[in-house]
Protein backbone atom coordinates (compact mmCIF):
# COMPACT_ATOMS: atom_id res chain seq x y z
CA MET A 1 -9.90 19.10 -20.93
CA SER A 2 -10.21 22.68 -20.43
CA PHE A 3 -9.97 26.10 -22.89
CA ALA A 4 -7.48 28.57 -22.81
CA TYR A 5 -10.05 31.15 -22.97
CA PRO A 6 -13.30 29.77 -21.85
CA TRP A 7 -15.27 33.29 -22.22
CA LEU A 8 -14.86 33.14 -25.94
CA LEU A 9 -17.35 30.73 -25.94
CA LEU A 10 -19.96 33.10 -25.18
CA LEU A 11 -19.42 33.23 -29.25
CA PHE A 12 -21.82 30.44 -29.87
CA ILE A 13 -24.93 32.64 -28.48
CA PRO A 14 -24.24 35.39 -31.78
CA PHE A 15 -24.07 32.27 -33.66
CA ALA A 16 -27.13 30.96 -32.31
CA LEU A 17 -28.72 34.03 -32.69
CA ILE A 18 -27.65 33.99 -36.41
CA LEU A 19 -28.25 30.65 -37.26
CA TYR A 20 -32.49 30.70 -36.50
CA TYR A 21 -32.80 34.59 -38.20
CA VAL A 22 -31.19 32.48 -41.22
CA TRP A 23 -33.67 29.55 -40.70
CA ARG A 24 -36.36 31.14 -40.14
CA ARG A 25 -35.93 33.75 -43.16
CA PRO A 26 -38.25 33.35 -45.55
CA LEU A 27 -37.40 32.48 -49.03
CA PRO A 28 -37.87 34.38 -51.51
CA THR A 29 -41.72 34.33 -53.59
CA LEU A 30 -42.81 34.61 -57.37
CA ARG A 31 -46.40 35.18 -57.54
CA ILE A 32 -48.24 32.65 -60.58
CA PRO A 33 -51.76 31.61 -60.63
CA SER A 34 -51.10 27.33 -59.76
CA LEU A 35 -48.79 25.84 -58.29
CA ARG A 36 -50.07 22.57 -60.11
CA PRO A 37 -47.49 22.69 -62.81
CA PHE A 38 -44.88 22.31 -59.63
CA ALA A 39 -45.99 19.69 -57.51
CA ALA A 40 -43.91 17.05 -58.73
CA ALA A 41 -41.28 19.28 -58.07
CA LYS A 42 -38.84 17.14 -55.27
CA GLY A 43 -36.81 18.89 -52.92
CA SER A 44 -36.55 21.93 -51.03
CA ARG A 45 -34.54 24.26 -49.41
CA ARG A 46 -35.84 22.41 -45.94
CA SER A 47 -35.17 18.57 -47.15
CA LEU A 48 -31.77 17.44 -45.71
CA PRO A 49 -29.84 17.36 -49.77
CA LEU A 50 -30.24 20.52 -49.64
CA LEU A 51 -29.67 21.47 -46.01
CA LEU A 52 -26.25 19.86 -45.87
CA PRO A 53 -24.14 22.75 -47.50
CA PHE A 54 -26.19 24.68 -44.46
CA LEU A 55 -24.92 22.13 -42.37
CA LEU A 56 -21.19 21.94 -43.50
CA TYR A 57 -20.99 25.82 -42.36
CA THR A 58 -22.76 25.89 -39.03
CA PHE A 59 -20.43 23.12 -38.45
CA ALA A 60 -17.29 24.78 -39.99
CA VAL A 61 -18.17 28.09 -37.96
CA ALA A 62 -18.69 25.85 -34.56
CA PHE A 63 -15.11 24.18 -34.73
CA LEU A 64 -13.92 27.68 -35.80
CA ILE A 65 -14.96 29.18 -32.39
CA LEU A 66 -13.82 26.17 -30.46
CA ALA A 67 -10.73 26.23 -31.51
CA VAL A 68 -10.37 30.29 -30.73
CA ALA A 69 -11.64 29.43 -26.97
CA ARG A 70 -7.91 26.34 -27.65
CA PRO A 71 -9.58 23.32 -26.25
CA ARG A 72 -6.71 21.51 -24.63
CA HIS A 73 -5.58 18.29 -22.52
CA GLY A 74 -2.73 19.18 -19.30
CA ASP A 75 -0.90 16.33 -18.29
CA GLU A 76 0.64 17.40 -14.31
CA LYS A 77 4.49 16.08 -14.09
CA VAL A 78 5.93 16.16 -10.98
CA VAL A 79 9.90 15.63 -10.87
CA MET A 80 11.81 14.01 -8.20
CA ARG A 81 14.46 16.44 -7.03
CA ALA A 82 15.62 14.78 -3.57
CA GLN A 83 18.89 16.56 -2.42
CA GLY A 84 20.69 13.49 -0.47
CA ILE A 85 22.57 12.89 2.37
CA ASP A 86 26.20 10.83 2.54
CA ILE A 87 26.82 7.86 4.96
CA MET A 88 29.56 5.70 6.24
CA LEU A 89 28.53 2.59 7.64
CA ALA A 90 31.06 1.24 10.15
CA ILE A 91 30.88 -2.72 10.66
CA ASP A 92 32.96 -3.92 13.30
CA LEU A 93 34.50 -7.58 11.47
CA SER A 94 36.38 -8.95 14.81
CA GLY A 95 36.04 -12.47 15.60
CA SER A 96 33.47 -12.24 18.52
CA MET A 97 31.10 -10.85 15.79
CA GLU A 98 30.27 -15.28 15.53
CA THR A 99 28.82 -14.75 18.08
CA ILE A 100 24.92 -15.53 18.66
CA ASP A 101 22.61 -13.58 21.09
CA VAL A 102 20.16 -16.19 22.07
CA PRO A 103 16.90 -14.84 21.34
CA ASN A 104 14.23 -14.92 23.94
CA GLY A 105 12.20 -18.17 24.10
CA ILE A 106 15.15 -20.25 23.34
CA THR A 107 15.63 -22.56 27.34
CA THR A 108 17.99 -25.73 25.79
CA GLU A 109 20.77 -26.13 22.79
CA GLY A 110 18.28 -28.27 20.84
CA GLN A 111 16.18 -25.66 20.42
CA LEU A 112 18.66 -23.07 19.65
CA ILE A 113 19.99 -25.70 17.50
CA ASP A 114 16.64 -25.23 15.35
CA ALA A 115 16.73 -21.66 15.51
CA ILE A 116 20.15 -21.59 13.57
CA LYS A 117 18.77 -23.64 10.89
CA SER A 118 16.01 -22.33 10.45
CA GLY A 119 17.76 -18.71 10.57
CA LYS A 120 15.61 -17.63 13.36
CA ALA A 121 19.46 -17.17 15.31
CA LYS A 122 21.93 -15.79 13.74
CA ASN A 123 25.19 -14.58 14.70
CA ARG A 124 26.17 -10.66 15.45
CA LEU A 125 27.46 -10.01 11.88
CA LEU A 126 25.26 -11.38 9.66
CA VAL A 127 21.99 -9.85 12.49
CA ALA A 128 24.10 -6.70 11.27
CA MET A 129 24.09 -6.69 7.61
CA ASP A 130 19.88 -7.89 7.75
CA GLU A 131 19.42 -4.81 9.29
CA ILE A 132 22.09 -2.94 7.03
CA GLY A 133 20.47 -4.31 4.26
CA LYS A 134 16.72 -3.04 5.08
CA PHE A 135 17.91 0.90 6.10
CA ILE A 136 19.90 0.89 2.97
CA GLU A 137 16.53 -0.21 0.68
CA LYS A 138 14.69 2.52 2.54
CA ARG A 139 17.25 5.59 1.68
CA PRO A 140 17.85 6.04 -2.48
CA ASN A 141 18.44 8.80 -2.72
CA ASP A 142 21.51 9.27 -0.12
CA ARG A 143 25.08 8.02 -1.18
CA ILE A 144 26.26 5.25 0.98
CA GLY A 145 28.81 3.59 1.83
CA LEU A 146 30.86 0.97 4.08
CA VAL A 147 34.37 0.35 5.84
CA GLY A 148 34.92 -2.86 7.98
CA PHE A 149 37.34 -2.99 10.93
CA ALA A 150 39.27 -5.10 12.97
CA GLU A 151 42.57 -4.08 13.85
CA LEU A 152 42.42 -1.74 11.48
CA PRO A 153 40.02 -0.41 8.82
CA TYR A 154 39.17 -1.17 5.32
CA ASN A 155 37.16 0.74 3.37
CA ILE A 156 34.59 -1.95 1.21
CA CYS A 157 33.00 0.77 -0.58
CA PRO A 158 32.89 4.03 -1.46
CA PRO A 159 29.89 6.36 -0.92
CA THR A 160 27.54 5.64 -3.66
CA LEU A 161 24.38 5.29 -5.23
CA ASP A 162 24.97 1.73 -6.59
CA HIS A 163 23.46 0.37 -3.47
CA GLY A 164 22.82 -3.30 -5.03
CA PHE A 165 27.00 -3.20 -5.15
CA LEU A 166 27.16 -1.81 -2.26
CA ILE A 167 25.17 -5.28 -0.27
CA SER A 168 27.07 -7.02 -2.58
CA ASN A 169 29.98 -6.42 -1.69
CA MET A 170 28.79 -6.39 1.93
CA GLU A 171 27.00 -10.08 1.75
CA ARG A 172 31.04 -11.37 1.28
CA LEU A 173 31.91 -10.33 4.97
CA LYS A 174 32.84 -12.93 6.91
CA PRO A 175 33.78 -12.89 11.62
CA GLY A 176 37.48 -12.59 11.63
CA ILE A 177 37.81 -12.35 8.05
CA ILE A 178 40.30 -9.66 8.87
CA GLY A 179 41.63 -9.88 12.53
CA ASP A 180 40.02 -10.07 15.86
CA LYS A 181 41.09 -7.45 17.69
CA THR A 182 39.15 -4.60 17.90
CA GLY A 183 40.04 -0.73 17.10
CA ILE A 184 37.59 2.21 16.32
CA ALA A 185 39.38 4.77 15.96
CA GLY A 186 40.70 3.54 12.12
CA PRO A 187 37.86 3.13 10.77
CA VAL A 188 35.77 6.13 12.08
CA ALA A 189 39.09 8.36 10.87
CA SER A 190 38.80 6.90 7.57
CA ALA A 191 35.14 7.14 7.41
CA VAL A 192 35.78 10.96 8.12
CA GLN A 193 38.66 11.19 5.20
CA ARG A 194 36.04 9.81 2.67
CA LEU A 195 32.86 12.48 4.29
CA LYS A 196 34.76 15.59 4.86
CA ASP A 197 35.22 16.38 1.00
CA SER A 198 31.37 15.90 0.11
CA ASP A 199 29.20 18.49 -0.58
CA ALA A 200 26.42 17.09 0.69
CA LYS A 201 23.60 19.00 3.09
CA ARG A 202 24.44 16.42 5.85
CA ARG A 203 26.97 14.18 6.25
CA VAL A 204 26.76 10.71 8.59
CA ILE A 205 29.05 7.57 10.02
CA VAL A 206 26.93 5.29 12.04
CA LEU A 207 30.18 2.78 13.96
CA PHE A 208 28.27 -1.20 14.64
CA THR A 209 31.04 -3.08 17.33
CA ASP A 210 30.40 -5.39 19.67
CA GLY A 211 34.20 -5.31 21.53
CA SER A 212 36.05 -2.74 23.64
CA ASN A 213 38.47 -0.70 21.89
CA ASN A 214 42.02 -3.19 22.19
CA VAL A 215 44.22 -1.49 19.68
CA THR A 216 46.68 1.26 20.59
CA ALA A 217 46.66 3.61 17.08
CA ARG A 218 48.29 7.28 16.90
CA VAL A 219 44.77 8.56 17.00
CA SER A 220 42.18 7.44 20.45
CA PRO A 221 38.42 7.02 19.64
CA LEU A 222 37.65 10.32 21.16
CA GLN A 223 40.31 12.43 18.98
CA ALA A 224 38.16 10.53 15.56
CA ALA A 225 35.45 11.88 16.93
CA LYS A 226 36.42 15.30 17.50
CA LEU A 227 37.54 15.53 14.44
CA ALA A 228 34.19 14.53 12.73
CA HIS A 229 32.77 17.09 14.45
CA ASP A 230 35.41 19.83 12.88
CA TYR A 231 34.21 18.41 9.41
CA ASP A 232 30.57 18.87 10.93
CA ILE A 233 29.92 15.30 10.98
CA ILE A 234 27.95 13.45 12.84
CA ILE A 235 28.79 10.17 14.54
CA TYR A 236 25.74 7.07 15.36
CA THR A 237 27.79 4.75 17.96
CA VAL A 238 25.72 1.02 18.00
CA GLY A 239 26.71 -1.26 21.20
CA ILE A 240 26.20 -5.17 19.46
CA GLY A 241 25.32 -7.85 21.40
CA SER A 242 23.48 -8.72 25.23
CA ASP A 243 24.58 -11.24 27.91
CA ARG A 244 22.82 -14.06 26.43
CA GLY A 245 25.81 -14.09 23.33
CA VAL A 246 27.52 -17.53 22.49
CA VAL A 247 29.53 -19.35 20.14
CA LEU A 248 29.10 -22.65 18.66
CA GLN A 249 32.56 -24.14 18.82
CA ARG A 250 33.10 -28.14 17.00
CA GLY A 251 35.55 -30.33 18.13
CA PHE A 252 36.52 -33.69 19.34
CA MET A 253 33.56 -33.57 22.02
CA GLY A 254 30.84 -32.39 19.27
CA THR A 255 28.97 -29.48 18.91
CA GLN A 256 28.80 -26.79 22.08
CA PHE A 257 28.15 -23.64 22.94
CA MET A 258 30.00 -21.03 25.19
CA PRO A 259 28.57 -18.06 26.61
CA VAL A 260 30.32 -14.77 25.96
CA GLN A 261 29.94 -12.01 27.73
CA GLY A 262 29.23 -8.53 26.27
CA GLU A 263 32.69 -6.81 25.93
CA PHE A 264 32.12 -3.47 24.43
CA ASP A 265 32.99 0.09 26.28
CA GLU A 266 29.59 1.60 26.86
CA GLU A 267 30.79 4.51 27.80
CA LEU A 268 33.52 5.56 24.76
CA LEU A 269 30.58 5.13 22.49
CA LYS A 270 28.28 7.47 24.29
CA GLU A 271 31.17 9.98 24.67
CA MET A 272 32.20 9.07 20.92
CA ALA A 273 28.46 9.98 19.16
CA LYS A 274 28.07 13.06 21.85
CA SER A 275 31.42 14.78 20.88
CA ALA A 276 30.13 14.40 16.66
CA ASP A 277 25.99 15.67 17.97
CA GLY A 278 25.05 11.95 17.47
CA LYS A 279 23.04 9.56 19.37
CA TYR A 280 23.69 6.22 21.06
CA TYR A 281 22.75 3.22 20.97
CA ARG A 282 22.14 -0.18 22.24
CA ALA A 283 21.12 -3.09 20.77
CA PHE A 284 20.27 -6.00 22.62
CA ASP A 285 19.58 -8.81 19.58
CA ALA A 286 18.06 -8.03 15.81
CA GLU A 287 14.83 -6.78 17.28
CA GLY A 288 17.09 -4.11 18.68
CA LEU A 289 19.05 -3.79 16.06
CA GLY A 290 16.36 -3.17 14.09
CA LYS A 291 14.63 -0.40 16.51
CA VAL A 292 17.80 1.23 16.36
CA MET A 293 17.95 1.51 12.44
CA ASN A 294 14.73 2.57 12.12
CA GLU A 295 15.22 5.52 14.73
CA ILE A 296 18.43 6.91 12.87
CA ASP A 297 16.48 6.39 9.74
CA LYS A 298 14.07 8.99 11.27
CA LEU A 299 16.52 11.25 12.58
CA GLU A 300 18.44 11.74 9.09
CA LYS A 301 16.04 12.77 6.43
CA THR A 302 16.39 13.46 2.96
CA SER A 303 14.96 16.29 1.74
CA VAL A 304 12.53 16.42 -0.82
CA GLU A 305 11.47 18.73 -3.67
CA GLN A 306 8.55 17.85 -5.79
CA PRO A 307 7.78 20.75 -8.25
CA LYS A 308 5.06 20.44 -10.85
CA TYR A 309 4.11 21.51 -14.35
CA ILE A 310 0.95 20.67 -17.00
CA GLU A 311 2.32 19.66 -20.28
CA TYR A 312 -0.61 20.76 -22.68
CA SER A 313 -1.90 18.69 -25.75
CA GLU A 314 -3.42 21.89 -28.23
CA TYR A 315 -6.52 20.84 -30.33
CA GLY A 316 -7.19 23.96 -31.82
CA PRO A 317 -4.71 23.00 -34.36
CA LYS A 318 -6.96 20.17 -35.08
CA LEU A 319 -10.18 22.09 -35.00
CA VAL A 320 -9.06 24.49 -37.61
CA SER A 321 -8.30 21.94 -40.20
CA ALA A 322 -11.68 20.25 -39.61
CA ALA A 323 -13.55 23.17 -40.45
CA LEU A 324 -11.61 24.26 -43.02
CA ILE A 325 -12.47 21.48 -44.47
CA LEU A 326 -16.05 20.97 -44.05
CA LEU A 327 -15.95 24.57 -45.32
CA LEU A 328 -14.71 23.61 -48.46
CA LEU A 329 -16.61 20.50 -48.88
CA GLY A 330 -19.81 22.60 -48.67
CA PHE A 331 -18.66 24.75 -51.00
CA VAL A 332 -18.01 22.29 -53.58
CA LEU A 333 -21.39 20.04 -52.61
CA GLU A 334 -23.26 24.50 -53.10
CA ASN A 335 -21.36 25.16 -56.65
CA THR A 336 -21.72 21.36 -57.65
CA VAL A 337 -24.08 18.82 -57.08
CA TYR A 338 -26.84 21.75 -55.27
CA LEU A 339 -26.28 23.94 -57.46
CA ARG A 340 -29.56 25.71 -57.96
CA VAL A 341 -30.63 28.04 -61.57
CA PRO A 342 -33.74 30.88 -61.17
């Protein structure tokens, strides 16, 4: 509660003085030899019924003074205006993403099987999708898209604010679904095509892969990175995998785990990120990939403005209405019920 013109509340001082004068003013008198004939008379100016009009007028004037001071209640509103970033995620879907990076502390096949059943150990694609999902949830104001790649790139989802749609499409992906080779130039060029005409203040590509480029294309990975740089698009590259990778194989001999060595071209990924003003990251396992995504999230901050405004509810009109009712009621009572005849 506040007043638009609080200084007008000083009117209560002269009003109080006037009330004191009216209250203390002596009543007109008439000299008579004796008051005995009037002893049985009831009521006086000081009695409550006769004071009622006076009290109504008093409250009416008090309400009017409060009304001109404009009492009001303000509700502060905050408007969020976010200027988001456009992000394209490029994720490797080649068959090697079926590889499971054995968590530290697991030393036997039995322990690994139990970890797979409990969900503690997952293949690289599932780990990447889990961490990408967490990353997406942290960035509600950014348009995020997804391109999957193996030998060729496939646009899975354009940059969108409908992150539920994006995640539902991502969850359908499986290793080897579009081939076993790894072409790194294609997804970068495809992501650049999606982002080059964007009006976002920053445009970012995040590339996830566990393999080396083994596809010959008209555009090399470094040329694709240079194309991104020409359009002021940042590239972050993430090499996934460790030396503890295994692939689950089922055959006549039962279930076997075959060791897999990390194959991605670290130098190429570093050079691509550097040429597009980004950074290269190495993610050995789920914990490492989580740290990578957290760091990228911190580097790419969305700018948010919070302008404030106050919406006031005015009480003055209600007080004026109440004052008018009191004045009218006082006038009616004074000239009807409490009418005094000399």
